[in-house]
C-alpha cells in the first residue's frame, strides 16, 4: 500500500504539459464538419490540430499559433473554450488539455500542408480533410474525447 500512496503523491508533484487542441469547424450544405488530418507516419494516425503551449503563452494564444502552423489556415475565429481537463498520455505524461471550437468558412474540402512550427514535424506533410460525425474516422487516443460537444 505504501508504494501506491507514494506513486499517487509523486503524480501530484508532476507538472502537467499544457496542450491546446482545435476542433476547427465549418458548415457545409447545412451540416457541421470538423477538420482532421492524416499524419504521414502511419502509427500517428488521424488527428485534430493541436500542440504544446509555450511558456510565454496562454492556451488561447497557443491554439491560434498551432492552427496557423499545423493547418496553414489564416482566417479563422476562435469561438469558445469547450473544456479543460487533465489526461494521462500513453507515455505516462500528464497533459493539461484545452479544447477550443474554431470556425472557418471558404476553405477547401481537402489539402496538404507542411507544418511550419519545426521540431518533430519539420519536413512532414499533413493531409487535411473534413468529417461529418464523431464516428466517421478513428482518431488517435484522446483527440475525439469532446467531439460529442460539436456533433450534437
N, C-alpha and C. Protein backbone atom coordinates (compact mmCIF):
# COMPACT_ATOMS: atom_id res chain seq x y z
N UNK A 1 0.82 -1.19 0.00
CA UNK A 1 0.00 0.00 0.00
C UNK A 1 0.87 1.26 0.00
N UNK A 2 1.99 1.21 0.69
CA UNK A 2 2.88 2.36 0.72
C UNK A 2 3.32 2.74 -0.69
N UNK A 3 3.61 1.74 -1.54
CA UNK A 3 4.04 2.03 -2.90
C UNK A 3 2.96 2.78 -3.67
N UNK A 4 1.72 2.36 -3.52
CA UNK A 4 0.63 3.03 -4.23
C UNK A 4 0.47 4.47 -3.73
N UNK A 5 0.54 4.67 -2.43
CA UNK A 5 0.43 6.01 -1.88
C UNK A 5 1.59 6.88 -2.37
N UNK A 6 2.78 6.32 -2.40
CA UNK A 6 3.95 7.07 -2.89
C UNK A 6 3.77 7.43 -4.35
N UNK A 7 3.25 6.47 -5.15
CA UNK A 7 3.01 6.71 -6.56
C UNK A 7 2.01 7.85 -6.75
N UNK A 8 0.91 7.83 -6.00
CA UNK A 8 -0.11 8.89 -6.12
C UNK A 8 0.47 10.24 -5.71
N UNK A 9 1.28 10.27 -4.66
CA UNK A 9 1.90 11.51 -4.24
C UNK A 9 2.83 12.03 -5.33
N UNK A 10 3.63 11.14 -5.92
CA UNK A 10 4.56 11.53 -6.98
C UNK A 10 3.80 12.12 -8.16
N UNK A 11 2.68 11.53 -8.54
CA UNK A 11 1.89 12.04 -9.67
C UNK A 11 1.38 13.44 -9.39
N UNK A 12 1.08 13.75 -8.15
CA UNK A 12 0.61 15.09 -7.81
C UNK A 12 1.73 16.12 -7.97
N UNK A 13 2.97 15.67 -7.87
CA UNK A 13 4.12 16.56 -7.97
C UNK A 13 4.51 16.84 -9.43
N UNK A 14 4.01 16.03 -10.36
CA UNK A 14 4.36 16.17 -11.76
C UNK A 14 3.70 17.43 -12.33
N UNK A 15 4.48 18.22 -13.06
CA UNK A 15 3.92 19.42 -13.69
C UNK A 15 3.33 18.99 -15.03
N UNK A 16 2.03 19.19 -15.22
CA UNK A 16 1.40 18.77 -16.48
C UNK A 16 1.92 19.57 -17.68
N UNK A 17 1.90 18.94 -18.83
CA UNK A 17 2.26 19.58 -20.08
C UNK A 17 0.98 20.21 -20.64
N UNK A 18 0.99 21.51 -20.87
CA UNK A 18 -0.20 22.18 -21.40
C UNK A 18 -0.29 21.97 -22.90
N UNK A 19 -1.48 21.54 -23.37
CA UNK A 19 -1.73 21.30 -24.78
C UNK A 19 -3.00 22.04 -25.20
N UNK A 20 -2.95 22.65 -26.38
CA UNK A 20 -4.10 23.35 -26.94
C UNK A 20 -4.60 22.58 -28.16
N UNK A 21 -5.86 22.18 -28.15
CA UNK A 21 -6.50 21.42 -29.23
C UNK A 21 -7.51 22.30 -29.93
N UNK A 22 -7.61 22.15 -31.24
CA UNK A 22 -8.59 22.93 -32.00
C UNK A 22 -9.55 22.05 -32.77
N UNK A 23 -10.81 22.09 -32.39
CA UNK A 23 -11.85 21.49 -33.22
C UNK A 23 -12.25 22.57 -34.22
N UNK A 24 -11.62 22.55 -35.39
CA UNK A 24 -11.89 23.51 -36.45
C UNK A 24 -13.16 23.05 -37.14
N UNK A 25 -14.17 23.91 -37.17
CA UNK A 25 -15.47 23.53 -37.71
C UNK A 25 -15.87 24.42 -38.86
N UNK A 26 -16.71 23.85 -39.72
CA UNK A 26 -17.35 24.61 -40.80
C UNK A 26 -18.74 24.04 -40.99
N UNK A 27 -19.58 24.82 -41.66
CA UNK A 27 -20.90 24.35 -42.07
C UNK A 27 -20.83 24.11 -43.57
N UNK A 28 -21.13 22.89 -43.98
CA UNK A 28 -21.09 22.51 -45.39
C UNK A 28 -22.43 21.87 -45.74
N UNK A 29 -23.19 22.50 -46.65
CA UNK A 29 -24.52 22.02 -47.01
C UNK A 29 -25.40 21.81 -45.78
N UNK A 30 -25.33 22.75 -44.85
CA UNK A 30 -26.15 22.71 -43.65
C UNK A 30 -25.66 21.76 -42.57
N UNK A 31 -24.51 21.14 -42.77
CA UNK A 31 -24.00 20.12 -41.86
C UNK A 31 -22.69 20.60 -41.21
N UNK A 32 -22.57 20.41 -39.90
CA UNK A 32 -21.32 20.74 -39.20
C UNK A 32 -20.26 19.70 -39.53
N UNK A 33 -19.07 20.18 -39.86
CA UNK A 33 -17.95 19.29 -40.12
C UNK A 33 -16.75 19.73 -39.28
N UNK A 34 -15.87 18.77 -38.98
CA UNK A 34 -14.67 19.02 -38.19
C UNK A 34 -13.45 18.65 -39.02
N UNK A 35 -12.44 19.49 -38.95
CA UNK A 35 -11.20 19.28 -39.68
C UNK A 35 -10.31 18.27 -38.95
N UNK A 36 -9.80 17.30 -39.71
CA UNK A 36 -8.85 16.31 -39.20
C UNK A 36 -7.72 16.18 -40.22
N UNK A 37 -6.65 15.52 -39.82
CA UNK A 37 -5.58 15.27 -40.78
C UNK A 37 -4.99 13.89 -40.59
N UNK A 38 -4.53 13.35 -41.71
CA UNK A 38 -3.80 12.09 -41.71
C UNK A 38 -2.33 12.42 -41.55
N UNK A 39 -1.74 11.92 -40.49
CA UNK A 39 -0.31 12.11 -40.25
C UNK A 39 0.45 11.18 -41.20
N UNK A 40 1.58 11.63 -41.77
CA UNK A 40 2.30 10.77 -42.71
C UNK A 40 2.97 9.56 -42.06
N UNK A 41 3.19 9.61 -40.74
CA UNK A 41 3.71 8.45 -40.03
C UNK A 41 2.51 7.62 -39.61
N UNK A 42 2.39 6.43 -40.17
CA UNK A 42 1.18 5.62 -40.01
C UNK A 42 0.75 5.45 -38.55
N UNK A 43 1.71 5.21 -37.66
CA UNK A 43 1.38 4.98 -36.25
C UNK A 43 0.78 6.23 -35.59
N UNK A 44 1.02 7.40 -36.17
CA UNK A 44 0.48 8.64 -35.60
C UNK A 44 -0.99 8.84 -35.97
N UNK A 45 -1.49 8.10 -36.95
CA UNK A 45 -2.90 8.06 -37.25
C UNK A 45 -3.53 9.36 -37.72
N UNK A 46 -4.84 9.42 -37.50
CA UNK A 46 -5.63 10.60 -37.86
C UNK A 46 -5.80 11.44 -36.60
N UNK A 47 -5.55 12.74 -36.74
CA UNK A 47 -5.53 13.64 -35.59
C UNK A 47 -6.34 14.91 -35.87
N UNK A 48 -6.53 15.68 -34.81
CA UNK A 48 -7.00 17.05 -34.94
C UNK A 48 -5.81 17.96 -34.68
N UNK A 49 -5.83 19.19 -35.19
CA UNK A 49 -4.71 20.09 -34.93
C UNK A 49 -4.58 20.39 -33.44
N UNK A 50 -3.35 20.36 -32.96
CA UNK A 50 -3.08 20.64 -31.55
C UNK A 50 -1.59 20.86 -31.36
N UNK A 51 -1.23 21.33 -30.19
CA UNK A 51 0.19 21.49 -29.91
C UNK A 51 0.43 21.92 -28.48
N UNK A 52 1.68 22.01 -28.15
CA UNK A 52 2.11 22.36 -26.81
C UNK A 52 2.07 23.87 -26.60
N UNK A 53 1.57 24.27 -25.45
CA UNK A 53 1.55 25.68 -25.06
C UNK A 53 2.97 26.07 -24.63
N UNK A 54 3.51 27.11 -25.25
CA UNK A 54 4.85 27.58 -24.91
C UNK A 54 4.81 28.35 -23.59
N UNK A 55 5.96 28.41 -22.89
CA UNK A 55 5.98 29.08 -21.57
C UNK A 55 5.45 30.51 -21.57
N UNK A 56 5.68 31.27 -22.63
CA UNK A 56 5.24 32.66 -22.66
C UNK A 56 3.80 32.83 -23.15
N UNK A 57 3.11 31.74 -23.44
CA UNK A 57 1.75 31.79 -24.00
C UNK A 57 0.71 31.34 -22.98
N UNK A 58 -0.53 31.74 -23.24
CA UNK A 58 -1.65 31.06 -22.59
C UNK A 58 -2.24 30.12 -23.64
N UNK A 59 -3.19 29.30 -23.24
CA UNK A 59 -3.75 28.29 -24.15
C UNK A 59 -4.43 28.93 -25.35
N UNK A 60 -5.10 30.06 -25.17
CA UNK A 60 -5.77 30.75 -26.27
C UNK A 60 -4.76 31.20 -27.33
N UNK A 61 -3.68 31.81 -26.91
CA UNK A 61 -2.64 32.23 -27.85
C UNK A 61 -2.04 31.01 -28.55
N UNK A 62 -1.84 29.94 -27.80
CA UNK A 62 -1.24 28.72 -28.36
C UNK A 62 -2.12 28.09 -29.42
N UNK A 63 -3.43 28.06 -29.19
CA UNK A 63 -4.30 27.42 -30.18
C UNK A 63 -4.31 28.21 -31.47
N UNK A 64 -4.22 29.53 -31.40
CA UNK A 64 -4.15 30.35 -32.61
C UNK A 64 -2.85 30.05 -33.36
N UNK A 65 -1.74 30.04 -32.65
CA UNK A 65 -0.44 29.75 -33.28
C UNK A 65 -0.44 28.36 -33.89
N UNK A 66 -0.90 27.38 -33.13
CA UNK A 66 -0.88 25.99 -33.61
C UNK A 66 -1.77 25.81 -34.84
N UNK A 67 -2.92 26.46 -34.88
CA UNK A 67 -3.79 26.32 -36.04
C UNK A 67 -3.09 26.85 -37.29
N UNK A 68 -2.43 27.99 -37.16
CA UNK A 68 -1.71 28.55 -38.31
C UNK A 68 -0.56 27.65 -38.73
N UNK A 69 0.24 27.20 -37.75
CA UNK A 69 1.41 26.37 -38.06
C UNK A 69 1.02 25.02 -38.66
N UNK A 70 0.04 24.35 -38.06
CA UNK A 70 -0.29 22.98 -38.48
C UNK A 70 -1.18 22.92 -39.70
N UNK A 71 -2.12 23.86 -39.85
CA UNK A 71 -3.10 23.76 -40.94
C UNK A 71 -2.80 24.67 -42.12
N UNK A 72 -2.08 25.75 -41.88
CA UNK A 72 -1.87 26.76 -42.91
C UNK A 72 -3.02 27.75 -43.00
N UNK A 73 -4.06 27.55 -42.23
CA UNK A 73 -5.20 28.47 -42.24
C UNK A 73 -4.80 29.79 -41.59
N UNK A 74 -5.28 30.87 -42.15
CA UNK A 74 -5.03 32.20 -41.59
C UNK A 74 -6.31 32.89 -41.13
N UNK A 75 -7.41 32.59 -41.80
CA UNK A 75 -8.69 33.24 -41.49
C UNK A 75 -9.60 32.28 -40.75
N UNK A 76 -9.62 32.43 -39.44
CA UNK A 76 -10.50 31.61 -38.60
C UNK A 76 -10.86 32.41 -37.36
N UNK A 77 -11.87 31.94 -36.66
CA UNK A 77 -12.35 32.63 -35.46
C UNK A 77 -12.43 31.61 -34.32
N UNK A 78 -11.72 31.90 -33.23
CA UNK A 78 -11.82 31.04 -32.04
C UNK A 78 -13.14 31.39 -31.36
N UNK A 79 -14.07 30.44 -31.42
CA UNK A 79 -15.41 30.68 -30.87
C UNK A 79 -15.45 30.61 -29.36
N UNK A 80 -14.91 29.48 -28.82
CA UNK A 80 -15.01 29.30 -27.37
C UNK A 80 -14.10 28.17 -26.91
N UNK A 81 -13.81 28.21 -25.62
CA UNK A 81 -13.16 27.09 -24.95
C UNK A 81 -14.25 26.07 -24.64
N UNK A 82 -14.11 24.88 -25.19
CA UNK A 82 -15.12 23.83 -24.95
C UNK A 82 -14.94 23.24 -23.55
N UNK A 83 -13.70 22.91 -23.23
CA UNK A 83 -13.41 22.35 -21.91
C UNK A 83 -11.91 22.34 -21.66
N UNK A 84 -11.56 22.18 -20.41
CA UNK A 84 -10.18 21.97 -19.97
C UNK A 84 -10.19 20.71 -19.12
N UNK A 85 -9.18 19.86 -19.30
CA UNK A 85 -9.11 18.66 -18.48
C UNK A 85 -7.66 18.27 -18.22
N UNK A 86 -7.50 17.22 -17.43
CA UNK A 86 -6.20 16.59 -17.21
C UNK A 86 -6.31 15.17 -17.72
N UNK A 87 -5.29 14.72 -18.45
CA UNK A 87 -5.34 13.46 -19.16
C UNK A 87 -3.98 12.81 -19.12
N UNK A 88 -3.94 11.50 -18.95
CA UNK A 88 -2.67 10.78 -18.95
C UNK A 88 -2.40 10.21 -20.33
N UNK A 89 -1.31 10.62 -20.94
CA UNK A 89 -0.90 10.13 -22.25
C UNK A 89 -0.39 8.69 -22.12
N UNK A 90 -0.28 8.01 -23.26
CA UNK A 90 0.19 6.62 -23.24
C UNK A 90 1.60 6.49 -22.68
N UNK A 91 2.41 7.56 -22.75
CA UNK A 91 3.77 7.52 -22.20
C UNK A 91 3.81 7.86 -20.71
N UNK A 92 2.63 8.08 -20.10
CA UNK A 92 2.56 8.38 -18.68
C UNK A 92 2.58 9.87 -18.35
N UNK A 93 2.88 10.71 -19.33
CA UNK A 93 2.89 12.16 -19.10
C UNK A 93 1.47 12.65 -18.84
N UNK A 94 1.36 13.60 -17.95
CA UNK A 94 0.06 14.21 -17.66
C UNK A 94 -0.07 15.47 -18.51
N UNK A 95 -1.17 15.56 -19.24
CA UNK A 95 -1.44 16.71 -20.09
C UNK A 95 -2.60 17.51 -19.51
N UNK A 96 -2.42 18.80 -19.44
CA UNK A 96 -3.50 19.73 -19.13
C UNK A 96 -4.00 20.21 -20.48
N UNK A 97 -5.16 19.68 -20.90
CA UNK A 97 -5.64 19.91 -22.26
C UNK A 97 -6.72 20.99 -22.28
N UNK A 98 -6.62 21.85 -23.31
CA UNK A 98 -7.60 22.91 -23.57
C UNK A 98 -8.17 22.66 -24.95
N UNK A 99 -9.47 22.40 -25.03
CA UNK A 99 -10.15 22.15 -26.31
C UNK A 99 -10.96 23.37 -26.70
N UNK A 100 -10.65 23.90 -27.88
CA UNK A 100 -11.35 25.08 -28.40
C UNK A 100 -12.16 24.72 -29.64
N UNK A 101 -13.29 25.41 -29.80
CA UNK A 101 -14.03 25.33 -31.05
C UNK A 101 -13.64 26.54 -31.88
N UNK A 102 -13.27 26.26 -33.13
CA UNK A 102 -12.80 27.29 -34.06
C UNK A 102 -13.66 27.21 -35.31
N UNK A 103 -14.10 28.35 -35.82
CA UNK A 103 -14.94 28.39 -37.03
C UNK A 103 -14.15 28.92 -38.21
N UNK A 104 -14.40 28.29 -39.37
CA UNK A 104 -13.83 28.76 -40.63
C UNK A 104 -14.93 28.73 -41.69
N UNK A 105 -14.68 29.43 -42.78
CA UNK A 105 -15.55 29.36 -43.95
C UNK A 105 -14.68 29.55 -45.18
N UNK A 106 -15.23 29.19 -46.31
CA UNK A 106 -14.50 29.33 -47.58
C UNK A 106 -13.13 28.65 -47.55
N UNK A 107 -13.13 27.38 -47.16
CA UNK A 107 -11.90 26.60 -47.15
C UNK A 107 -12.09 25.37 -48.04
N UNK A 108 -10.99 24.82 -48.56
CA UNK A 108 -11.11 23.65 -49.44
C UNK A 108 -11.67 22.43 -48.72
N UNK A 109 -12.12 21.46 -49.50
CA UNK A 109 -12.60 20.20 -48.93
C UNK A 109 -11.44 19.35 -48.41
N UNK A 110 -10.27 19.50 -49.02
CA UNK A 110 -9.07 18.82 -48.53
C UNK A 110 -7.84 19.54 -49.07
N UNK A 111 -6.73 19.39 -48.36
CA UNK A 111 -5.46 19.99 -48.79
C UNK A 111 -4.31 19.35 -48.03
N UNK A 112 -3.12 19.56 -48.54
CA UNK A 112 -1.89 19.12 -47.89
C UNK A 112 -1.15 20.35 -47.38
N UNK A 113 -0.50 20.19 -46.23
CA UNK A 113 0.25 21.31 -45.64
C UNK A 113 1.45 20.77 -44.88
N UNK A 114 2.57 21.46 -45.03
CA UNK A 114 3.76 21.14 -44.24
C UNK A 114 3.78 22.08 -43.03
N UNK A 115 3.70 21.53 -41.82
CA UNK A 115 3.70 22.36 -40.62
C UNK A 115 4.93 23.26 -40.57
N UNK A 116 4.75 24.46 -40.04
CA UNK A 116 5.82 25.45 -40.01
C UNK A 116 6.43 25.63 -38.62
N UNK A 117 5.99 24.84 -37.66
CA UNK A 117 6.47 25.02 -36.28
C UNK A 117 7.82 24.41 -35.99
N UNK A 118 8.36 23.62 -36.93
CA UNK A 118 9.66 22.99 -36.71
C UNK A 118 9.54 21.76 -35.82
N UNK A 119 10.62 21.42 -35.16
CA UNK A 119 10.63 20.27 -34.26
C UNK A 119 10.43 18.97 -35.00
N UNK A 120 9.71 18.04 -34.37
CA UNK A 120 9.49 16.70 -34.93
C UNK A 120 8.68 16.71 -36.22
N UNK A 121 7.96 17.80 -36.46
CA UNK A 121 7.09 17.86 -37.64
C UNK A 121 7.80 18.44 -38.87
N UNK A 122 9.02 18.92 -38.71
CA UNK A 122 9.76 19.52 -39.82
C UNK A 122 9.89 18.52 -40.97
N UNK A 123 9.53 18.97 -42.18
CA UNK A 123 9.64 18.14 -43.37
C UNK A 123 8.47 17.20 -43.61
N UNK A 124 7.52 17.13 -42.69
CA UNK A 124 6.36 16.27 -42.87
C UNK A 124 5.27 17.01 -43.63
N UNK A 125 4.37 16.25 -44.25
CA UNK A 125 3.21 16.83 -44.92
C UNK A 125 1.96 16.18 -44.35
N UNK A 126 1.05 17.00 -43.84
CA UNK A 126 -0.22 16.53 -43.30
C UNK A 126 -1.29 16.64 -44.39
N UNK A 127 -2.18 15.65 -44.45
CA UNK A 127 -3.30 15.69 -45.39
C UNK A 127 -4.58 15.99 -44.60
N UNK A 128 -5.17 17.17 -44.87
CA UNK A 128 -6.35 17.63 -44.14
C UNK A 128 -7.63 17.31 -44.91
N UNK A 129 -8.66 16.94 -44.15
CA UNK A 129 -9.99 16.68 -44.72
C UNK A 129 -11.01 16.85 -43.60
N UNK A 130 -12.30 16.78 -43.97
CA UNK A 130 -13.39 17.07 -43.04
C UNK A 130 -14.17 15.81 -42.71
N UNK A 131 -14.63 15.72 -41.47
CA UNK A 131 -15.52 14.63 -41.07
C UNK A 131 -16.86 15.23 -40.65
N UNK A 132 -17.92 14.44 -40.81
CA UNK A 132 -19.28 14.91 -40.52
C UNK A 132 -19.93 14.23 -39.33
N UNK A 133 -19.19 13.34 -38.66
CA UNK A 133 -19.70 12.72 -37.43
C UNK A 133 -18.52 12.25 -36.59
N UNK A 134 -18.76 12.07 -35.31
CA UNK A 134 -17.66 11.70 -34.41
C UNK A 134 -17.17 10.27 -34.63
N UNK A 135 -17.93 9.46 -35.36
CA UNK A 135 -17.54 8.07 -35.60
C UNK A 135 -17.12 7.80 -37.03
N UNK A 136 -16.97 8.84 -37.83
CA UNK A 136 -16.63 8.67 -39.24
C UNK A 136 -15.23 8.11 -39.45
N UNK A 137 -14.28 8.53 -38.62
CA UNK A 137 -12.91 8.02 -38.68
C UNK A 137 -12.47 7.67 -37.26
N UNK A 138 -11.43 6.89 -37.18
CA UNK A 138 -10.85 6.55 -35.88
C UNK A 138 -9.70 7.51 -35.60
N UNK A 139 -9.95 8.47 -34.71
CA UNK A 139 -8.89 9.41 -34.31
C UNK A 139 -7.98 8.74 -33.30
N UNK A 140 -6.73 9.23 -33.21
CA UNK A 140 -5.83 8.67 -32.21
C UNK A 140 -6.37 8.98 -30.82
N UNK A 141 -5.91 8.21 -29.86
CA UNK A 141 -6.41 8.29 -28.49
C UNK A 141 -6.37 9.72 -27.96
N UNK A 142 -7.51 10.14 -27.42
CA UNK A 142 -7.63 11.45 -26.79
C UNK A 142 -8.10 12.57 -27.69
N UNK A 143 -7.98 12.42 -29.01
CA UNK A 143 -8.33 13.52 -29.90
C UNK A 143 -9.84 13.68 -30.10
N UNK A 144 -10.57 12.62 -29.97
CA UNK A 144 -12.03 12.70 -30.18
C UNK A 144 -12.83 12.80 -28.90
N UNK A 145 -12.16 13.03 -27.78
CA UNK A 145 -12.83 12.98 -26.48
C UNK A 145 -14.03 13.92 -26.33
N UNK A 146 -14.04 15.04 -27.03
CA UNK A 146 -15.12 16.01 -26.88
C UNK A 146 -15.85 16.31 -28.19
N UNK A 147 -15.67 15.47 -29.19
CA UNK A 147 -16.39 15.67 -30.45
C UNK A 147 -17.90 15.64 -30.25
N UNK A 148 -18.37 14.92 -29.24
CA UNK A 148 -19.81 14.88 -28.97
C UNK A 148 -20.36 16.25 -28.63
N UNK A 149 -19.51 17.18 -28.24
CA UNK A 149 -19.96 18.55 -27.95
C UNK A 149 -20.05 19.39 -29.21
N UNK A 150 -19.47 18.90 -30.30
CA UNK A 150 -19.55 19.56 -31.60
C UNK A 150 -20.70 18.96 -32.40
N UNK A 151 -20.71 17.63 -32.46
CA UNK A 151 -21.75 16.91 -33.20
C UNK A 151 -22.89 16.57 -32.27
N UNK A 152 -23.76 17.54 -32.01
CA UNK A 152 -24.87 17.31 -31.09
C UNK A 152 -26.14 16.99 -31.81
